[in-house]
């Protein structure tokens, strides 16, 4: 467990780093695919332009296959009672709001798709396997369907489209199941099947996250033992954020900083999906510490997302940045009020209570004319 010695710095003294998502093998896979299929189909192309058309269809098939992959997770999650939050597909994000779906642009750094869902109760290992395997299942089914369609009389472009989409869908499905790859689905699936330590930790994360959704506060979570001295894989970063929120909510500022500093290491690359919440919290803690350069750095890294984030979590980051860095108490108070009004609609009910308290604390500081660092141990008790 992290040290809570108050002589330790609250955040690492290293300069701010641009945290990057983990790399992936998509460029290599598709390059090899293009070369192999060129050798395989070269004698079937009637004209040189057919090959160019086949490559074009392959590129167009990729986002469609990625969207189908995410929809596979969505359908399986809905079957198990999950609540849909958002779906990422390349540069597009589909988010569920109170009464409608909202389409938002997003900057994708790793070409992944992702489906975000919350479950009010923890899924069994079998259901977790099916949920994470739902994307590959849809890919394989769509590849098989397209392959069967290719046996019907089709025009030459239709034949090329079917062959390209079949291959791309098959590759996407296999990629998500490849053992020891960099895909989160494969890590979860093989972690559970082979009973790897990460598979067990993921089960604990899923259990704790389900409790947060139903209203258990982060400080009341019973988390599994995890030492920062042992090997921490990139798949564990979601669990580390739960440890951070637990200590933050409990007023253990040093403990929260220890988990946050570990993830800040420039040697650690993380999944694109965890990049935003990590940079959010690094910006927040840098504001508390009065570290202007770090706060500005992490704020700028997520500025386009933060400017459109009006839920209570996004409002907390924006309000503290306005108060501590921009010295704009009027904007900070307005954003706090906005975040408090949005707290009831925040899907993770337990985290919403923590966000509400942190926003209330800042409002009290503004009303009292206080400009010093936040005393996290003075968080108001739960009602």
Protein backbone atom coordinates (compact mmCIF):
# COMPACT_ATOMS: atom_id res chain seq x y z
CA UNK A 1 0.00 0.00 0.00
CA UNK A 2 1.24 3.55 -0.61
CA UNK A 3 2.95 5.32 2.22
CA UNK A 4 0.88 7.90 4.07
CA UNK A 5 3.92 9.56 5.60
CA UNK A 6 3.15 13.28 5.52
CA UNK A 7 6.79 14.06 4.80
CA UNK A 8 6.40 12.56 1.32
CA UNK A 9 5.59 14.92 -1.56
CA UNK A 10 1.93 14.90 -2.57
CA UNK A 11 2.83 14.36 -6.20
CA UNK A 12 6.06 13.36 -7.86
CA UNK A 13 8.52 16.18 -8.37
CA UNK A 14 9.18 15.09 -11.95
CA UNK A 15 8.05 17.52 -14.65
CA UNK A 16 4.70 16.95 -16.28
CA UNK A 17 4.73 14.33 -19.02
CA UNK A 18 2.45 13.83 -21.99
CA UNK A 19 0.86 10.52 -21.13
CA UNK A 20 0.41 8.42 -24.24
CA UNK A 21 -1.94 5.53 -24.88
CA UNK A 22 -0.48 2.11 -25.48
CA UNK A 23 0.48 1.33 -29.04
CA UNK A 24 -1.26 -1.27 -31.14
CA UNK A 25 -0.48 -3.60 -33.99
CA UNK A 26 -3.18 -2.48 -36.40
CA UNK A 27 -0.74 -0.93 -38.93
CA UNK A 28 1.41 -4.06 -38.98
CA UNK A 29 -1.58 -6.41 -39.22
CA UNK A 30 -3.16 -4.55 -42.09
CA UNK A 31 0.12 -4.13 -43.94
CA UNK A 32 0.76 -7.87 -43.78
CA UNK A 33 -2.84 -8.47 -44.74
CA UNK A 34 -2.56 -6.30 -47.83
CA UNK A 35 0.65 -8.02 -48.93
CA UNK A 36 -0.67 -11.54 -48.36
CA UNK A 37 -3.94 -10.87 -50.13
CA UNK A 38 -2.13 -9.26 -53.01
CA UNK A 39 -0.26 -12.54 -53.49
CA UNK A 40 -3.44 -14.55 -52.97
CA UNK A 41 -5.76 -12.61 -55.24
CA UNK A 42 -3.39 -11.18 -57.82
CA UNK A 43 -4.53 -13.63 -60.47
CA UNK A 44 -8.20 -12.96 -59.75
CA UNK A 45 -8.05 -9.21 -60.37
CA UNK A 46 -9.25 -8.52 -63.89
CA UNK A 47 -7.66 -5.09 -64.07
CA UNK A 48 -4.96 -3.27 -62.07
CA UNK A 49 -7.68 -0.91 -60.84
CA UNK A 50 -9.36 -3.84 -59.07
CA UNK A 51 -6.56 -4.03 -56.56
CA UNK A 52 -6.85 -0.30 -55.80
CA UNK A 53 -10.61 -0.71 -55.43
CA UNK A 54 -10.12 -3.69 -53.09
CA UNK A 55 -7.74 -1.65 -50.88
CA UNK A 56 -10.27 1.20 -50.82
CA UNK A 57 -13.06 -1.16 -49.78
CA UNK A 58 -10.79 -2.59 -47.08
CA UNK A 59 -10.18 0.87 -45.63
CA UNK A 60 -13.89 1.67 -45.69
CA UNK A 61 -14.72 -1.69 -44.10
CA UNK A 62 -12.55 -1.00 -41.07
CA UNK A 63 -14.75 1.63 -39.31
CA UNK A 64 -17.89 -0.40 -40.13
CA UNK A 65 -16.33 -3.52 -38.63
CA UNK A 66 -15.19 -1.50 -35.61
CA UNK A 67 -18.72 -0.16 -35.10
CA UNK A 68 -20.20 -3.66 -35.35
CA UNK A 69 -17.63 -4.85 -32.79
CA UNK A 70 -18.77 -2.20 -30.29
CA UNK A 71 -22.44 -2.96 -31.02
CA UNK A 72 -21.70 -6.61 -30.20
CA UNK A 73 -20.55 -5.55 -26.72
CA UNK A 74 -23.62 -3.31 -26.40
CA UNK A 75 -26.09 -6.06 -27.30
CA UNK A 76 -24.47 -8.54 -24.94
CA UNK A 77 -24.38 -5.92 -22.16
CA UNK A 78 -28.07 -5.07 -22.62
CA UNK A 79 -28.86 -8.78 -22.47
CA UNK A 80 -27.28 -8.85 -19.00
CA UNK A 81 -29.07 -5.73 -17.77
CA UNK A 82 -26.34 -3.15 -18.38
CA UNK A 83 -26.99 0.57 -18.82
CA UNK A 84 -25.56 2.10 -21.99
CA UNK A 85 -23.39 5.18 -21.46
CA UNK A 86 -21.30 5.73 -24.57
CA UNK A 87 -19.87 4.06 -27.63
CA UNK A 88 -16.62 5.10 -29.29
CA UNK A 89 -15.84 4.27 -32.89
CA UNK A 90 -12.71 5.92 -34.24
CA UNK A 91 -13.27 9.67 -34.26
CA UNK A 92 -16.98 9.45 -33.33
CA UNK A 93 -18.48 9.11 -29.85
CA UNK A 94 -22.15 8.28 -29.26
CA UNK A 95 -23.14 9.25 -25.72
CA UNK A 96 -26.41 8.57 -23.92
CA UNK A 97 -27.86 11.69 -22.35
CA UNK A 98 -30.99 12.07 -20.23
CA UNK A 99 -33.50 11.91 -23.09
CA UNK A 100 -31.48 11.38 -26.26
CA UNK A 101 -28.29 10.15 -27.89
CA UNK A 102 -25.61 12.70 -28.66
CA UNK A 103 -23.00 12.31 -31.40
CA UNK A 104 -19.68 13.91 -30.52
CA UNK A 105 -16.33 14.13 -32.32
CA UNK A 106 -13.38 12.63 -30.47
CA UNK A 107 -9.68 12.41 -31.10
CA UNK A 108 -8.74 8.74 -31.37
CA UNK A 109 -5.05 8.03 -30.80
CA UNK A 110 -5.15 4.25 -31.09
CA UNK A 111 -7.88 3.41 -33.59
CA UNK A 112 -9.96 1.50 -31.06
CA UNK A 113 -13.66 1.16 -30.53
CA UNK A 114 -15.16 0.94 -27.06
CA UNK A 115 -18.54 0.43 -25.44
CA UNK A 116 -19.09 1.92 -21.97
CA UNK A 117 -21.78 0.29 -19.84
CA UNK A 118 -22.62 0.23 -16.14
CA UNK A 119 -24.01 -2.78 -14.33
CA UNK A 120 -25.95 -2.46 -11.08
CA UNK A 121 -24.73 -5.88 -9.99
CA UNK A 122 -21.48 -7.70 -10.69
CA UNK A 123 -21.54 -10.11 -13.62
CA UNK A 124 -20.54 -13.72 -13.17
CA UNK A 125 -17.26 -14.82 -14.84
CA UNK A 126 -19.22 -16.49 -17.65
CA UNK A 127 -21.22 -13.34 -18.35
CA UNK A 128 -18.07 -11.22 -18.26
CA UNK A 129 -16.57 -13.56 -20.85
CA UNK A 130 -19.64 -13.22 -23.05
CA UNK A 131 -19.75 -9.44 -22.65
CA UNK A 132 -16.10 -8.99 -23.64
CA UNK A 133 -16.38 -11.63 -26.36
CA UNK A 134 -19.53 -10.10 -27.85
CA UNK A 135 -17.55 -7.84 -30.17
CA UNK A 136 -15.53 -10.70 -31.67
CA UNK A 137 -18.71 -12.79 -32.01
CA UNK A 138 -20.40 -10.09 -34.10
CA UNK A 139 -17.24 -9.74 -36.21
CA UNK A 140 -17.14 -13.45 -36.93
CA UNK A 141 -20.87 -13.60 -37.69
CA UNK A 142 -20.70 -10.63 -40.06
CA UNK A 143 -17.62 -12.12 -41.78
CA UNK A 144 -19.42 -15.45 -42.24
CA UNK A 145 -22.55 -13.72 -43.58
CA UNK A 146 -20.54 -11.63 -46.03
CA UNK A 147 -18.64 -14.73 -47.15
CA UNK A 148 -21.92 -16.55 -47.85
CA UNK A 149 -23.21 -13.55 -49.82
CA UNK A 150 -20.13 -13.75 -52.04
CA UNK A 151 -21.44 -17.05 -53.45
CA UNK A 152 -24.39 -15.23 -55.02
CA UNK A 153 -23.99 -13.64 -58.46
CA UNK A 154 -22.40 -10.25 -57.82
CA UNK A 155 -20.82 -7.53 -59.90
CA UNK A 156 -16.98 -7.35 -59.81
CA UNK A 157 -17.02 -4.43 -57.30
CA UNK A 158 -19.50 -6.38 -55.17
CA UNK A 159 -17.16 -9.37 -55.08
CA UNK A 160 -14.26 -7.12 -54.05
CA UNK A 161 -16.36 -5.48 -51.33
CA UNK A 162 -17.40 -8.85 -49.88
CA UNK A 163 -13.83 -10.19 -49.86
CA UNK A 164 -12.47 -7.01 -48.23
CA UNK A 165 -15.16 -6.80 -45.55
CA UNK A 166 -14.89 -10.52 -44.77
CA UNK A 167 -11.16 -10.25 -44.19
CA UNK A 168 -11.30 -7.03 -42.15
CA UNK A 169 -14.07 -8.38 -39.90
CA UNK A 170 -12.21 -11.63 -39.39
CA UNK A 171 -9.01 -9.77 -38.51
CA UNK A 172 -10.79 -7.48 -36.03
CA UNK A 173 -12.37 -10.45 -34.31
CA UNK A 174 -9.10 -12.38 -34.11
CA UNK A 175 -7.21 -9.30 -32.96
CA UNK A 176 -9.55 -8.84 -29.98
CA UNK A 177 -8.96 -12.46 -28.92
CA UNK A 178 -5.22 -12.66 -29.52
CA UNK A 179 -3.52 -13.83 -26.28
CA UNK A 180 -1.01 -11.44 -24.70
CA UNK A 181 -1.96 -8.75 -27.14
CA UNK A 182 -2.67 -5.11 -26.30
CA UNK A 183 -6.44 -5.42 -26.61
CA UNK A 184 -8.43 -5.08 -23.40
CA UNK A 185 -10.93 -7.76 -24.48
CA UNK A 186 -8.20 -10.36 -24.86
CA UNK A 187 -6.66 -9.43 -21.52
CA UNK A 188 -9.98 -9.91 -19.73
CA UNK A 189 -10.98 -13.07 -21.59
CA UNK A 190 -7.68 -14.89 -21.23
CA UNK A 191 -7.20 -13.55 -17.72
CA UNK A 192 -10.45 -15.23 -16.68
CA UNK A 193 -9.96 -18.45 -18.69
CA UNK A 194 -6.37 -18.98 -17.53
CA UNK A 195 -7.06 -17.62 -14.03
CA UNK A 196 -4.28 -15.06 -14.30
CA UNK A 197 -3.86 -12.49 -11.50
CA UNK A 198 -5.25 -9.79 -13.72
CA UNK A 199 -8.39 -11.86 -14.37
CA UNK A 200 -9.05 -11.96 -10.63
CA UNK A 201 -8.27 -8.26 -10.19
CA UNK A 202 -10.61 -7.41 -13.04
CA UNK A 203 -13.36 -9.35 -11.30
CA UNK A 204 -12.75 -7.27 -8.16
CA UNK A 205 -12.76 -4.06 -10.19
CA UNK A 206 -16.04 -5.02 -11.81
CA UNK A 207 -17.54 -5.83 -8.41
CA UNK A 208 -16.42 -2.51 -6.87
CA UNK A 209 -17.49 -0.48 -9.90
CA UNK A 210 -20.95 -2.04 -9.72
CA UNK A 211 -21.15 -0.92 -6.10
CA UNK A 212 -20.21 2.63 -7.11
CA UNK A 213 -23.00 2.61 -9.69
CA UNK A 214 -25.56 1.66 -7.03
CA UNK A 215 -24.47 4.46 -4.66
CA UNK A 216 -21.62 3.13 -2.50
CA UNK A 217 -19.12 5.95 -1.99
CA UNK A 218 -15.48 5.39 -3.02
CA UNK A 219 -14.30 5.69 0.60
CA UNK A 220 -16.56 2.77 1.56
CA UNK A 221 -15.26 0.37 -1.08
CA UNK A 222 -13.45 -2.77 0.09
CA UNK A 223 -10.71 -3.07 -2.53
CA UNK A 224 -8.42 -6.07 -3.07
CA UNK A 225 -4.84 -5.87 -1.84
CA UNK A 226 -2.59 -4.30 -4.47
CA UNK A 227 0.95 -3.14 -3.79
CA UNK A 228 2.65 -0.62 -6.03
CA UNK A 229 5.84 -2.65 -5.54
CA UNK A 230 4.42 -5.58 -7.52
CA UNK A 231 3.99 -5.72 -11.27
CA UNK A 232 1.17 -3.47 -12.40
CA UNK A 233 0.01 -4.06 -15.95
CA UNK A 234 -1.67 -1.43 -18.10
CA UNK A 235 -4.96 -3.25 -17.58
CA UNK A 236 -4.79 -2.46 -13.84
CA UNK A 237 -5.04 1.30 -14.28
CA UNK A 238 -8.83 1.35 -13.93
CA UNK A 239 -8.40 -0.42 -10.59
CA UNK A 240 -5.71 2.08 -9.53
CA UNK A 241 -8.17 4.90 -10.16
CA UNK A 242 -10.58 3.26 -7.70
CA UNK A 243 -7.81 3.22 -5.09
CA UNK A 244 -7.14 6.88 -5.82
CA UNK A 245 -10.83 7.84 -5.51
CA UNK A 246 -11.14 5.83 -2.29
CA UNK A 247 -8.28 7.73 -0.63
CA UNK A 248 -9.39 11.05 -2.10
CA UNK A 249 -12.91 10.56 -0.74
CA UNK A 250 -11.59 9.41 2.65
CA UNK A 251 -9.39 12.51 3.04
CA UNK A 252 -6.13 10.54 2.68
CA UNK A 253 -4.47 13.04 0.40
CA UNK A 254 -1.02 11.45 0.56
CA UNK A 255 -2.39 8.01 -0.24
CA UNK A 256 -4.34 9.36 -3.22
CA UNK A 257 -1.23 11.16 -4.47
CA UNK A 258 0.84 7.97 -4.29
CA UNK A 259 -1.50 6.11 -6.63
CA UNK A 260 -1.70 9.10 -8.94
CA UNK A 261 2.07 9.63 -9.08
CA UNK A 262 2.61 5.98 -9.97
CA UNK A 263 0.37 6.35 -13.03
CA UNK A 264 2.11 9.58 -13.99
CA UNK A 265 5.39 7.78 -14.70
CA UNK A 266 6.62 8.60 -18.23
CA UNK A 267 7.53 4.92 -18.68
CA UNK A 268 3.86 3.91 -18.41
CA UNK A 269 1.66 3.88 -21.48
CA UNK A 270 -2.05 3.38 -20.95
CA UNK A 271 -5.19 2.60 -22.89
CA UNK A 272 -6.84 5.49 -24.66
CA UNK A 273 -10.00 4.90 -22.60
CA UNK A 274 -8.29 5.70 -19.27
CA UNK A 275 -6.30 8.66 -20.60
CA UNK A 276 -8.97 11.30 -19.94
CA UNK A 277 -9.84 10.43 -16.30
CA UNK A 278 -6.14 10.15 -15.43
CA UNK A 279 -5.26 13.53 -16.94
CA UNK A 280 -8.35 15.01 -15.25
CA UNK A 281 -7.13 13.91 -11.82
CA UNK A 282 -3.52 14.94 -12.47
CA UNK A 283 -4.79 18.41 -13.37
CA UNK A 284 -6.99 18.48 -10.26
CA UNK A 285 -4.20 17.47 -7.88
CA UNK A 286 -1.74 19.87 -9.50
CA UNK A 287 -4.25 22.65 -8.85
CA UNK A 288 -4.39 21.68 -5.16
CA UNK A 289 -0.60 21.62 -4.93
CA UNK A 290 -0.23 25.00 -6.62
CA UNK A 291 1.83 23.42 -9.40
CA UNK A 292 0.92 25.85 -12.16
CA UNK A 293 2.97 24.23 -14.94
CA UNK A 294 1.61 20.73 -14.36
CA UNK A 295 -1.97 21.91 -14.02
CA UNK A 296 -1.77 23.87 -17.28
CA UNK A 297 -0.06 20.96 -19.05
CA UNK A 298 -2.69 18.35 -18.17
CA UNK A 299 -5.53 20.83 -18.67
CA UNK A 300 -4.28 21.60 -22.17
CA UNK A 301 -3.89 17.90 -22.95
CA UNK A 302 -7.62 17.40 -22.31
CA UNK A 303 -8.88 20.92 -23.10
CA UNK A 304 -11.09 19.95 -26.06
CA UNK A 305 -12.80 17.26 -24.00
CA UNK A 306 -13.04 19.33 -20.83
CA UNK A 307 -14.68 22.24 -22.62
CA UNK A 308 -17.60 19.94 -23.55
CA UNK A 309 -17.73 18.04 -20.26
CA UNK A 310 -20.60 19.36 -18.18
CA UNK A 311 -21.18 16.46 -15.81
CA UNK A 312 -20.21 16.80 -12.15
CA UNK A 313 -16.78 15.20 -12.67
CA UNK A 314 -15.82 17.49 -15.54
CA UNK A 315 -17.22 20.50 -13.68
CA UNK A 316 -15.03 19.69 -10.66
CA UNK A 317 -11.86 19.79 -12.77
CA UNK A 318 -12.90 22.97 -14.56
CA UNK A 319 -13.97 24.71 -11.33
CA UNK A 320 -10.74 23.96 -9.45
CA UNK A 321 -8.69 25.01 -12.46
CA UNK A 322 -10.60 28.30 -12.70
CA UNK A 323 -10.16 28.94 -8.96
CA UNK A 324 -6.56 27.89 -8.34
CA UNK A 325 -4.89 28.53 -11.71
CA UNK A 326 -6.94 31.21 -13.45
CA UNK A 327 -7.87 32.96 -10.15
CA UNK A 328 -11.39 33.45 -11.51
CA UNK A 329 -13.71 32.98 -8.52
CA UNK A 330 -16.81 34.04 -10.45
CA UNK A 331 -16.36 31.34 -13.09
CA UNK A 332 -15.35 28.81 -10.46
CA UNK A 333 -18.54 29.44 -8.46
CA UNK A 334 -20.68 29.24 -11.58
CA UNK A 335 -19.10 25.93 -12.65
CA UNK A 336 -19.53 24.54 -9.13
CA UNK A 337 -23.23 25.30 -9.26
CA UNK A 338 -23.44 23.68 -12.70
CA UNK A 339 -21.71 20.56 -11.37
CA UNK A 340 -23.97 20.33 -8.33
CA UNK A 341 -27.05 20.57 -10.53
CA UNK A 342 -25.69 17.79 -12.76
CA UNK A 343 -24.77 15.46 -9.88
CA UNK A 344 -28.19 13.79 -9.78
CA UNK A 345 -27.78 12.71 -13.40
CA UNK A 346 -24.24 11.37 -12.94
CA UNK A 347 -24.46 7.62 -13.73
CA UNK A 348 -21.98 6.49 -11.04
CA UNK A 349 -24.02 7.39 -7.97
CA UNK A 350 -21.31 6.72 -5.38
CA UNK A 351 -18.78 8.88 -7.21
CA UNK A 352 -21.46 11.55 -7.61
CA UNK A 353 -21.58 11.94 -3.82
CA UNK A 354 -17.83 12.50 -3.71
CA UNK A 355 -18.05 15.00 -6.57
CA UNK A 356 -20.84 16.82 -4.77
CA UNK A 357 -18.75 17.17 -1.60
CA UNK A 358 -15.66 18.39 -3.45
CA UNK A 359 -17.70 20.97 -5.35
CA UNK A 360 -19.40 22.07 -2.12
CA UNK A 361 -16.01 22.45 -0.43
CA UNK A 362 -14.79 24.73 -3.19
CA UNK A 363 -17.95 26.83 -3.03
CA UNK A 364 -17.40 27.30 0.72
CA UNK A 365 -13.82 28.40 0.08
CA UNK A 366 -15.03 30.93 -2.47
CA UNK A 367 -17.69 32.24 -0.10
CA UNK A 368 -15.15 32.51 2.72
CA UNK A 369 -12.56 34.15 0.48
CA UNK A 370 -10.06 31.28 1.00
CA UNK A 371 -7.40 30.76 -1.67
CA UNK A 372 -5.18 28.17 -0.02
CA UNK A 373 -5.07 24.44 -0.75
CA UNK A 374 -8.06 22.22 -0.10
CA UNK A 375 -8.12 20.31 3.18
CA UNK A 376 -9.46 16.99 1.92
CA UNK A 377 -9.86 15.66 5.44
CA UNK A 378 -12.53 18.30 5.98
CA UNK A 379 -14.86 16.69 3.46
CA UNK A 380 -18.43 16.92 4.82
CA UNK A 381 -19.80 13.61 6.13
CA UNK A 382 -22.31 11.70 4.02
CA UNK A 383 -25.93 12.48 4.71
